[in-house]
Each structure stands twice: as C-alpha cells, then as structure tokens.
Amino acid sequence: MILCGVHICINMLVIYGTSIYNIYVVGVGMVYGVVHVIFTLVIAAELARGEPNQEERKYYYVYYIFPIVWVMVNLYWQLLFIWEVKRGIMSKETYLREKYSCCCHV
C-alpha cells in the first residue's frame, strides 16, 4: 500500500514537472520508472524459477508484463519531453505553436 502511495506521488510530481517544463523533475520520474521496471523484473524472475501453479500463471501477465509495458510507454514520453525541452522545441513560449501544429488540435 505504501508503494502505491509513492507511485502516485511520483506521478503527480512528474505531471507538475511537465507543467512547469522542468526536465529534472521529469527525470526523477524516469529514474523511478527504471527502478520500478528492474524490481518488477527481479520479482518476476524469482517467481518464474519456481513451479507456478495455474492460478499464478493466469495472472502473470496482469501483474508483471502489463506494468512493465506501461512503465516503458511512460519512459518513452518522458524521454521525448526532456529531449524537446532541451532542444527548445517545447517551452512556455512555443507551446501554442506546438499545440496548433498537432494533427489533432481543436
């Protein structure tokens, strides 16, 4: 339960960091994501060593594979955000231009 609270706090911190265009705050979220993936892989490997029963095998993808994929998708957009802010593509001044150039602008 504590880890869920930490996860929520880190995600809120990353959302705040993106709203103020701070790459260091978003970087904290990336580091947390990498650590999360590593720990999830370690736990999944430990469980895979034993002989999983049918119940464990049924939920293996839900508890281990899906979270890893989800974190990797989040790491991708965080890395892309940091790259765009560093290159000057995304900033407070250029946000409206970038929003307008998006293919799905309203």
N, C-alpha and C. Protein backbone atom coordinates (compact mmCIF):
# COMPACT_ATOMS: atom_id res chain seq x y z
N MET A 1 0.82 -1.19 0.00
CA MET A 1 0.00 0.00 0.00
C MET A 1 0.87 1.26 0.00
N ILE A 2 1.97 1.20 0.73
CA ILE A 2 2.88 2.35 0.78
C ILE A 2 3.47 2.60 -0.60
N LEU A 3 3.83 1.51 -1.31
CA LEU A 3 4.40 1.68 -2.65
C LEU A 3 3.41 2.30 -3.62
N CYS A 4 2.14 2.00 -3.47
CA CYS A 4 1.12 2.64 -4.31
C CYS A 4 1.08 4.14 -4.05
N GLY A 5 1.19 4.53 -2.78
CA GLY A 5 1.22 5.95 -2.44
C GLY A 5 2.45 6.64 -3.01
N VAL A 6 3.60 5.97 -2.95
CA VAL A 6 4.83 6.53 -3.52
C VAL A 6 4.67 6.68 -5.03
N HIS A 7 4.10 5.67 -5.66
CA HIS A 7 3.89 5.70 -7.11
C HIS A 7 2.98 6.87 -7.51
N ILE A 8 1.92 7.08 -6.77
CA ILE A 8 1.01 8.18 -7.05
C ILE A 8 1.71 9.52 -6.86
N CYS A 9 2.48 9.65 -5.79
CA CYS A 9 3.21 10.91 -5.53
C CYS A 9 4.23 11.21 -6.62
N ILE A 10 4.95 10.19 -7.05
CA ILE A 10 5.94 10.39 -8.11
C ILE A 10 5.25 10.81 -9.40
N ASN A 11 4.13 10.18 -9.73
CA ASN A 11 3.41 10.55 -10.95
C ASN A 11 2.86 11.97 -10.87
N MET A 12 2.38 12.37 -9.70
CA MET A 12 1.91 13.75 -9.55
C MET A 12 3.07 14.73 -9.69
N LEU A 13 4.22 14.37 -9.18
CA LEU A 13 5.42 15.19 -9.31
C LEU A 13 5.81 15.35 -10.78
N VAL A 14 5.73 14.26 -11.54
CA VAL A 14 6.07 14.32 -12.97
C VAL A 14 5.08 15.20 -13.71
N ILE A 15 3.81 15.09 -13.41
CA ILE A 15 2.81 15.94 -14.05
C ILE A 15 3.09 17.41 -13.74
N TYR A 16 3.43 17.70 -12.49
CA TYR A 16 3.79 19.07 -12.11
C TYR A 16 5.05 19.52 -12.86
N GLY A 17 6.04 18.64 -12.97
CA GLY A 17 7.27 18.98 -13.68
C GLY A 17 7.05 19.28 -15.15
N THR A 18 6.15 18.54 -15.77
CA THR A 18 5.86 18.84 -17.17
C THR A 18 5.11 20.14 -17.32
N SER A 19 4.29 20.48 -16.34
CA SER A 19 3.52 21.73 -16.46
C SER A 19 4.40 22.97 -16.29
N ILE A 20 5.55 22.82 -15.61
CA ILE A 20 6.47 23.95 -15.48
C ILE A 20 7.71 23.77 -16.35
N TYR A 21 7.70 22.75 -17.23
CA TYR A 21 8.78 22.48 -18.18
C TYR A 21 10.12 22.27 -17.48
N ASN A 22 10.11 21.51 -16.40
CA ASN A 22 11.32 21.23 -15.64
C ASN A 22 11.78 19.81 -15.95
N ILE A 23 12.91 19.70 -16.65
CA ILE A 23 13.38 18.37 -17.06
C ILE A 23 13.93 17.57 -15.89
N TYR A 24 14.37 18.22 -14.84
CA TYR A 24 14.93 17.50 -13.70
C TYR A 24 13.84 16.79 -12.90
N VAL A 25 12.72 17.44 -12.77
CA VAL A 25 11.59 16.81 -12.06
C VAL A 25 11.08 15.62 -12.87
N VAL A 26 11.01 15.77 -14.18
CA VAL A 26 10.58 14.67 -15.04
C VAL A 26 11.64 13.56 -15.00
N GLY A 27 12.90 13.94 -14.88
CA GLY A 27 13.98 12.96 -14.76
C GLY A 27 13.85 12.10 -13.52
N VAL A 28 13.36 12.68 -12.43
CA VAL A 28 13.11 11.90 -11.21
C VAL A 28 12.09 10.81 -11.51
N GLY A 29 11.07 11.14 -12.27
CA GLY A 29 10.07 10.15 -12.65
C GLY A 29 10.66 9.06 -13.53
N MET A 30 11.60 9.43 -14.39
CA MET A 30 12.25 8.44 -15.24
C MET A 30 13.10 7.48 -14.41
N VAL A 31 13.84 8.02 -13.47
CA VAL A 31 14.66 7.17 -12.60
C VAL A 31 13.77 6.22 -11.82
N TYR A 32 12.68 6.73 -11.29
CA TYR A 32 11.75 5.88 -10.56
C TYR A 32 11.19 4.79 -11.49
N GLY A 33 10.88 5.14 -12.73
CA GLY A 33 10.36 4.16 -13.68
C GLY A 33 11.36 3.05 -13.97
N VAL A 34 12.63 3.41 -14.13
CA VAL A 34 13.66 2.40 -14.39
C VAL A 34 13.82 1.48 -13.17
N VAL A 35 13.84 2.06 -11.98
CA VAL A 35 13.94 1.25 -10.76
C VAL A 35 12.72 0.34 -10.63
N HIS A 36 11.56 0.86 -10.96
CA HIS A 36 10.33 0.05 -10.89
C HIS A 36 10.40 -1.13 -11.84
N VAL A 37 10.88 -0.91 -13.06
CA VAL A 37 11.00 -2.00 -14.03
C VAL A 37 12.01 -3.04 -13.54
N ILE A 38 13.13 -2.58 -13.00
CA ILE A 38 14.15 -3.52 -12.52
C ILE A 38 13.60 -4.39 -11.39
N PHE A 39 12.94 -3.77 -10.42
CA PHE A 39 12.38 -4.55 -9.32
C PHE A 39 11.29 -5.50 -9.79
N THR A 40 10.48 -5.06 -10.73
CA THR A 40 9.43 -5.94 -11.25
C THR A 40 10.04 -7.13 -11.98
N LEU A 41 11.11 -6.89 -12.74
CA LEU A 41 11.78 -8.00 -13.43
C LEU A 41 12.41 -8.97 -12.45
N VAL A 42 13.00 -8.45 -11.39
CA VAL A 42 13.62 -9.32 -10.39
C VAL A 42 12.55 -10.20 -9.72
N ILE A 43 11.45 -9.59 -9.35
CA ILE A 43 10.37 -10.36 -8.71
C ILE A 43 9.80 -11.39 -9.67
N ALA A 44 9.60 -11.00 -10.93
CA ALA A 44 9.07 -11.94 -11.92
C ALA A 44 10.04 -13.09 -12.16
N ALA A 45 11.35 -12.80 -12.18
CA ALA A 45 12.34 -13.85 -12.37
C ALA A 45 12.36 -14.81 -11.18
N GLU A 46 12.23 -14.28 -9.98
CA GLU A 46 12.19 -15.13 -8.79
C GLU A 46 10.99 -16.06 -8.83
N LEU A 47 9.85 -15.53 -9.23
CA LEU A 47 8.65 -16.36 -9.29
C LEU A 47 8.71 -17.37 -10.44
N ALA A 48 9.39 -17.00 -11.52
CA ALA A 48 9.49 -17.90 -12.67
C ALA A 48 10.41 -19.08 -12.37
N ARG A 49 11.32 -18.92 -11.41
CA ARG A 49 12.21 -20.02 -11.06
C ARG A 49 11.45 -21.19 -10.45
N GLY A 50 10.47 -20.87 -9.65
CA GLY A 50 9.68 -21.92 -9.03
C GLY A 50 8.68 -22.48 -10.02
N GLU A 51 7.95 -23.45 -9.59
CA GLU A 51 6.92 -24.03 -10.45
C GLU A 51 5.61 -23.33 -10.17
N PRO A 52 5.20 -22.39 -11.06
CA PRO A 52 3.95 -21.66 -10.78
C PRO A 52 2.74 -22.57 -10.98
N ASN A 53 1.77 -22.39 -10.13
CA ASN A 53 0.55 -23.15 -10.31
C ASN A 53 -0.33 -22.43 -11.33
N GLN A 54 -1.46 -23.01 -11.62
CA GLN A 54 -2.34 -22.45 -12.65
C GLN A 54 -2.82 -21.04 -12.29
N GLU A 55 -3.12 -20.81 -11.01
CA GLU A 55 -3.61 -19.50 -10.58
C GLU A 55 -2.54 -18.42 -10.78
N GLU A 56 -1.30 -18.73 -10.42
CA GLU A 56 -0.22 -17.76 -10.61
C GLU A 56 0.04 -17.52 -12.10
N ARG A 57 0.00 -18.56 -12.87
CA ARG A 57 0.26 -18.43 -14.31
C ARG A 57 -0.82 -17.60 -14.99
N LYS A 58 -2.04 -17.71 -14.49
CA LYS A 58 -3.16 -16.98 -15.09
C LYS A 58 -2.98 -15.46 -14.94
N TYR A 59 -2.44 -15.03 -13.81
CA TYR A 59 -2.30 -13.60 -13.55
C TYR A 59 -0.88 -13.07 -13.77
N TYR A 60 0.00 -13.88 -14.31
CA TYR A 60 1.39 -13.48 -14.52
C TYR A 60 1.48 -12.24 -15.40
N TYR A 61 0.74 -12.24 -16.50
CA TYR A 61 0.79 -11.10 -17.42
C TYR A 61 0.19 -9.84 -16.81
N VAL A 62 -0.86 -10.00 -16.05
CA VAL A 62 -1.52 -8.85 -15.45
C VAL A 62 -0.63 -8.18 -14.42
N TYR A 63 0.06 -8.97 -13.62
CA TYR A 63 0.84 -8.41 -12.52
C TYR A 63 2.27 -8.03 -12.90
N TYR A 64 2.82 -8.62 -13.95
CA TYR A 64 4.23 -8.37 -14.26
C TYR A 64 4.46 -7.80 -15.66
N ILE A 65 3.88 -8.38 -16.66
CA ILE A 65 4.16 -7.95 -18.03
C ILE A 65 3.48 -6.62 -18.34
N PHE A 66 2.21 -6.49 -18.04
CA PHE A 66 1.50 -5.24 -18.34
C PHE A 66 2.12 -4.04 -17.62
N PRO A 67 2.45 -4.13 -16.32
CA PRO A 67 3.08 -2.96 -15.68
C PRO A 67 4.41 -2.58 -16.32
N ILE A 68 5.19 -3.55 -16.75
CA ILE A 68 6.47 -3.23 -17.39
C ILE A 68 6.23 -2.50 -18.71
N VAL A 69 5.29 -2.97 -19.49
CA VAL A 69 4.96 -2.29 -20.76
C VAL A 69 4.46 -0.88 -20.48
N TRP A 70 3.60 -0.73 -19.49
CA TRP A 70 3.05 0.59 -19.16
C TRP A 70 4.16 1.56 -18.73
N VAL A 71 5.07 1.11 -17.91
CA VAL A 71 6.18 1.97 -17.46
C VAL A 71 7.08 2.32 -18.64
N MET A 72 7.31 1.39 -19.54
CA MET A 72 8.15 1.68 -20.71
C MET A 72 7.50 2.74 -21.61
N VAL A 73 6.19 2.69 -21.76
CA VAL A 73 5.49 3.72 -22.54
C VAL A 73 5.65 5.08 -21.85
N ASN A 74 5.51 5.11 -20.53
CA ASN A 74 5.70 6.36 -19.80
C ASN A 74 7.13 6.86 -19.90
N LEU A 75 8.11 5.96 -19.85
CA LEU A 75 9.50 6.38 -20.01
C LEU A 75 9.74 6.98 -21.39
N TYR A 76 9.07 6.44 -22.40
CA TYR A 76 9.22 6.98 -23.75
C TYR A 76 8.76 8.43 -23.82
N TRP A 77 7.55 8.73 -23.32
CA TRP A 77 7.06 10.11 -23.44
C TRP A 77 7.85 11.04 -22.53
N GLN A 78 8.34 10.55 -21.40
CA GLN A 78 9.15 11.40 -20.53
C GLN A 78 10.48 11.73 -21.20
N LEU A 79 11.10 10.74 -21.83
CA LEU A 79 12.35 10.98 -22.54
C LEU A 79 12.13 11.93 -23.72
N LEU A 80 11.05 11.75 -24.44
CA LEU A 80 10.73 12.63 -25.56
C LEU A 80 10.48 14.06 -25.08
N PHE A 81 9.79 14.22 -23.95
CA PHE A 81 9.55 15.54 -23.39
C PHE A 81 10.88 16.22 -23.01
N ILE A 82 11.75 15.49 -22.33
CA ILE A 82 13.05 16.05 -21.95
C ILE A 82 13.85 16.44 -23.18
N TRP A 83 13.83 15.61 -24.19
CA TRP A 83 14.56 15.90 -25.43
C TRP A 83 14.04 17.17 -26.09
N GLU A 84 12.72 17.32 -26.16
CA GLU A 84 12.13 18.50 -26.80
C GLU A 84 12.38 19.78 -25.99
N VAL A 85 12.35 19.68 -24.67
CA VAL A 85 12.63 20.86 -23.85
C VAL A 85 14.10 21.27 -23.99
N LYS A 86 15.00 20.30 -24.00
CA LYS A 86 16.43 20.61 -24.14
C LYS A 86 16.75 21.23 -25.50
N ARG A 87 16.07 20.80 -26.54
CA ARG A 87 16.32 21.34 -27.87
C ARG A 87 15.59 22.65 -28.12
N GLY A 88 14.72 23.05 -27.20
CA GLY A 88 13.98 24.29 -27.36
C GLY A 88 12.71 24.16 -28.18
N ILE A 89 12.35 22.95 -28.52
CA ILE A 89 11.13 22.74 -29.30
C ILE A 89 9.90 23.01 -28.44
N MET A 90 9.95 22.55 -27.19
CA MET A 90 8.82 22.71 -26.29
C MET A 90 9.23 23.63 -25.15
N SER A 91 8.52 24.73 -25.01
CA SER A 91 8.72 25.67 -23.91
C SER A 91 7.42 26.43 -23.71
N LYS A 92 7.40 27.27 -22.70
CA LYS A 92 6.19 28.07 -22.48
C LYS A 92 5.90 28.97 -23.67
N GLU A 93 6.96 29.47 -24.28
CA GLU A 93 6.80 30.39 -25.42
C GLU A 93 6.34 29.67 -26.68
N THR A 94 6.78 28.44 -26.89
CA THR A 94 6.46 27.72 -28.12
C THR A 94 5.28 26.76 -27.98
N TYR A 95 4.69 26.70 -26.80
CA TYR A 95 3.63 25.72 -26.57
C TYR A 95 2.44 25.93 -27.50
N LEU A 96 2.00 27.15 -27.67
CA LEU A 96 0.84 27.39 -28.53
C LEU A 96 1.13 27.00 -29.98
N ARG A 97 2.33 27.27 -30.46
CA ARG A 97 2.70 26.87 -31.82
C ARG A 97 2.68 25.35 -31.94
N GLU A 98 3.25 24.67 -30.95
CA GLU A 98 3.29 23.21 -30.99
C GLU A 98 1.89 22.61 -30.86
N LYS A 99 1.07 23.21 -30.04
CA LYS A 99 -0.30 22.73 -29.88
C LYS A 99 -1.06 22.86 -31.19
N TYR A 100 -0.86 23.97 -31.90
CA TYR A 100 -1.54 24.20 -33.17
C TYR A 100 -1.05 23.24 -34.24
N SER A 101 0.25 22.89 -34.24
CA SER A 101 0.79 22.04 -35.28
C SER A 101 0.42 20.57 -35.09
N CYS A 102 -0.13 20.23 -33.95
CA CYS A 102 -0.54 18.84 -33.71
C CYS A 102 -1.69 18.49 -34.65
N CYS A 103 -1.68 17.26 -35.14
CA CYS A 103 -2.71 16.86 -36.10
C CYS A 103 -4.10 16.78 -35.49
N CYS A 104 -4.17 16.77 -34.18
CA CYS A 104 -5.48 16.63 -33.54
C CYS A 104 -5.87 17.88 -32.77
N HIS A 105 -5.38 19.06 -33.21
CA HIS A 105 -5.70 20.28 -32.48
C HIS A 105 -7.18 20.62 -32.63
N VAL A 106 -7.72 21.27 -31.64
CA VAL A 106 -9.14 21.55 -31.63
C VAL A 106 -9.37 23.02 -31.88
